[in-house]
């Protein structure tokens, strides 16, 4: 089984190691997030010894994830997160068996929405999925997260982001 790893998996677990028992994969932008000496050294050794493989997701997959993120109101995902989630979509569509490993709650939340198997390292897994939308402060009308207006077309009141449990 492929273990698709996020930087949070390596950064949050001081005992993390790449082993020969697992098939580790990630995106190049994720490796760029390894800024401390320990995680950078781990990744370099794993790459050199063939324990970690890098794969660039297609632009089409990244655009698909970006579109879904905008649709559901995810604003805290980094470019590396988009890249990782795009790889997850590609693996899922190709029927490969994998698990995405991340302690990032935004990434886990997105995985739940996409029905992608995930596991955490230290922080635990999210308890419920949250999506985001926009809501009029005056009349309460709901709008999709991608709604770009600042004011409600019905009553003219301010439209603000809101969580949907």
Protein backbone atom coordinates (compact mmCIF):
# COMPACT_ATOMS: atom_id res chain seq x y z
CA UNK A 1 0.00 0.00 0.00
CA UNK A 2 1.18 3.51 -0.80
CA UNK A 3 1.62 5.94 2.07
CA UNK A 4 1.05 9.40 0.61
CA UNK A 5 2.70 11.71 3.11
CA UNK A 6 2.14 15.32 3.99
CA UNK A 7 4.88 17.43 5.56
CA UNK A 8 2.87 17.54 8.81
CA UNK A 9 3.39 13.77 9.18
CA UNK A 10 7.16 14.19 9.26
CA UNK A 11 7.32 17.54 11.06
CA UNK A 12 4.93 16.61 13.90
CA UNK A 13 6.35 13.19 14.73
CA UNK A 14 9.90 13.35 16.12
CA UNK A 15 10.15 9.58 15.75
CA UNK A 16 9.04 9.46 12.11
CA UNK A 17 11.22 7.42 9.79
CA UNK A 18 11.02 6.14 6.25
CA UNK A 19 11.14 2.35 6.33
CA UNK A 20 11.52 -0.31 3.69
CA UNK A 21 8.22 -1.85 4.85
CA UNK A 22 6.20 1.01 3.37
CA UNK A 23 5.91 2.54 -0.07
CA UNK A 24 6.20 6.33 0.56
CA UNK A 25 5.12 8.89 -2.01
CA UNK A 26 4.70 12.65 -1.94
CA UNK A 27 4.75 15.74 -4.14
CA UNK A 28 7.89 17.88 -4.63
CA UNK A 29 6.16 20.92 -3.08
CA UNK A 30 5.62 18.90 0.10
CA UNK A 31 9.34 18.12 0.37
CA UNK A 32 10.02 21.85 -0.02
CA UNK A 33 8.17 22.36 3.29
CA UNK A 34 10.84 20.35 5.16
CA UNK A 35 12.81 23.31 6.44
CA UNK A 36 14.32 22.03 9.67
CA UNK A 37 17.52 19.97 9.62
CA UNK A 38 15.94 16.73 10.86
CA UNK A 39 13.09 16.57 8.33
CA UNK A 40 15.29 17.78 5.45
CA UNK A 41 17.91 15.13 6.29
CA UNK A 42 15.24 12.39 6.57
CA UNK A 43 13.76 13.28 3.18
CA UNK A 44 17.15 13.53 1.42
CA UNK A 45 18.25 10.13 2.75
CA UNK A 46 14.90 8.54 1.89
CA UNK A 47 15.06 9.91 -1.66
CA UNK A 48 18.68 8.79 -2.09
CA UNK A 49 17.89 5.28 -0.81
CA UNK A 50 14.66 4.90 -2.80
CA UNK A 51 12.44 4.86 0.29
CA UNK A 52 10.56 8.00 -0.79
CA UNK A 53 9.36 8.69 -4.31
CA UNK A 54 8.32 12.06 -5.68
CA UNK A 55 5.55 12.55 -8.18
CA UNK A 56 4.29 15.77 -9.69
CA UNK A 57 0.50 15.84 -10.03
CA UNK A 58 -1.03 16.83 -13.36
CA UNK A 59 -2.18 20.41 -13.81
CA UNK A 60 -5.65 19.03 -14.45
CA UNK A 61 -5.74 17.36 -11.01
CA UNK A 62 -4.45 20.51 -9.28
CA UNK A 63 -7.12 22.59 -11.04
CA UNK A 64 -9.77 20.06 -10.00
CA UNK A 65 -8.68 20.33 -6.34
CA UNK A 66 -8.50 24.14 -6.56
CA UNK A 67 -12.02 24.25 -7.94
CA UNK A 68 -13.35 21.92 -5.23
CA UNK A 69 -11.56 23.95 -2.55
CA UNK A 70 -13.18 27.17 -3.80
CA UNK A 71 -16.57 25.47 -4.05
CA UNK A 72 -16.38 24.24 -0.44
CA UNK A 73 -14.71 27.36 0.99
CA UNK A 74 -11.31 25.92 1.90
CA UNK A 75 -9.04 28.95 2.15
CA UNK A 76 -6.26 27.59 4.36
CA UNK A 77 -4.81 25.02 1.97
CA UNK A 78 -1.27 25.71 0.74
CA UNK A 79 0.07 25.02 -2.74
CA UNK A 80 1.74 21.92 -1.30
CA UNK A 81 -1.63 20.79 0.11
CA UNK A 82 -3.25 21.26 -3.31
CA UNK A 83 -0.43 19.26 -4.87
CA UNK A 84 -0.76 16.44 -2.33
CA UNK A 85 -4.54 16.28 -2.65
CA UNK A 86 -4.23 16.29 -6.44
CA UNK A 87 -1.96 13.23 -6.16
CA UNK A 88 -4.56 11.61 -3.90
CA UNK A 89 -7.24 12.18 -6.55
CA UNK A 90 -4.99 10.64 -9.20
CA UNK A 91 -4.27 7.58 -7.03
CA UNK A 92 -7.96 7.17 -6.24
CA UNK A 93 -8.97 7.46 -9.89
CA UNK A 94 -6.33 4.91 -10.93
CA UNK A 95 -7.62 2.45 -8.32
CA UNK A 96 -4.36 2.26 -6.38
CA UNK A 97 -4.53 1.34 -2.71
CA UNK A 98 -3.19 4.17 -0.56
CA UNK A 99 -3.62 6.16 2.61
CA UNK A 100 -2.86 9.87 2.97
CA UNK A 101 -0.89 10.54 6.15
CA UNK A 102 -1.36 14.02 7.61
CA UNK A 103 -1.88 15.82 10.89
CA UNK A 104 -3.26 18.85 9.04
CA UNK A 105 -6.96 19.12 9.90
CA UNK A 106 -7.77 21.05 6.71
CA UNK A 107 -6.22 18.27 4.60
CA UNK A 108 -8.07 15.62 6.64
CA UNK A 109 -11.35 17.51 6.26
CA UNK A 110 -10.86 17.70 2.50
CA UNK A 111 -10.05 13.96 2.43
CA UNK A 112 -13.36 13.22 4.17
CA UNK A 113 -15.22 15.29 1.59
CA UNK A 114 -13.48 13.40 -1.23
CA UNK A 115 -13.87 10.01 0.51
CA UNK A 116 -10.10 9.49 0.60
CA UNK A 117 -8.67 7.24 3.31
CA UNK A 118 -6.37 9.10 5.69
CA UNK A 119 -4.61 8.67 9.01
CA UNK A 120 -2.94 11.01 11.44
CA UNK A 121 0.43 10.76 13.13
CA UNK A 122 0.26 12.61 16.47
CA UNK A 123 -2.67 15.03 16.62
CA UNK A 124 -5.49 12.56 15.92
CA UNK A 125 -8.13 12.57 13.23
CA UNK A 126 -10.92 15.06 12.77
CA UNK A 127 -14.22 14.11 14.39
CA UNK A 128 -16.57 15.68 11.83
CA UNK A 129 -16.41 17.20 8.39
CA UNK A 130 -16.85 20.92 8.03
CA UNK A 131 -17.69 22.68 4.79
CA UNK A 132 -17.83 26.40 4.30
CA UNK A 133 -20.28 28.73 2.63
CA UNK A 134 -21.35 32.36 2.84
CA UNK A 135 -24.38 33.73 4.59
CA UNK A 136 -26.23 37.03 4.57
CA UNK A 137 -26.16 38.73 7.97
CA UNK A 138 -29.54 40.31 7.34
CA UNK A 139 -31.88 37.72 5.85
CA UNK A 140 -29.78 34.59 6.52
CA UNK A 141 -29.72 33.46 2.88
CA UNK A 142 -26.98 30.89 2.18
CA UNK A 143 -24.60 31.29 -0.74
CA UNK A 144 -21.94 28.90 -2.06
CA UNK A 145 -18.38 29.54 -0.86
CA UNK A 146 -17.51 30.67 -4.38
CA UNK A 147 -20.03 33.58 -4.21
CA UNK A 148 -17.95 36.67 -4.91
CA UNK A 149 -20.43 39.41 -3.94
CA UNK A 150 -19.99 41.38 -0.75
CA UNK A 151 -23.67 42.23 -0.35
CA UNK A 152 -26.83 40.11 -0.52
CA UNK A 153 -28.67 40.59 -3.81
CA UNK A 154 -32.00 40.12 -1.97
CA UNK A 155 -31.73 42.48 1.02
CA UNK A 156 -28.44 44.36 0.54
CA UNK A 157 -26.90 43.25 3.87
CA UNK A 158 -23.30 42.07 4.22
CA UNK A 159 -22.46 38.49 3.16
CA UNK A 160 -19.84 36.76 5.34
CA UNK A 161 -18.16 33.33 5.45
CA UNK A 162 -19.70 30.67 7.69
CA UNK A 163 -18.98 27.04 8.69
CA UNK A 164 -21.42 24.27 7.91
CA UNK A 165 -21.01 21.32 10.29
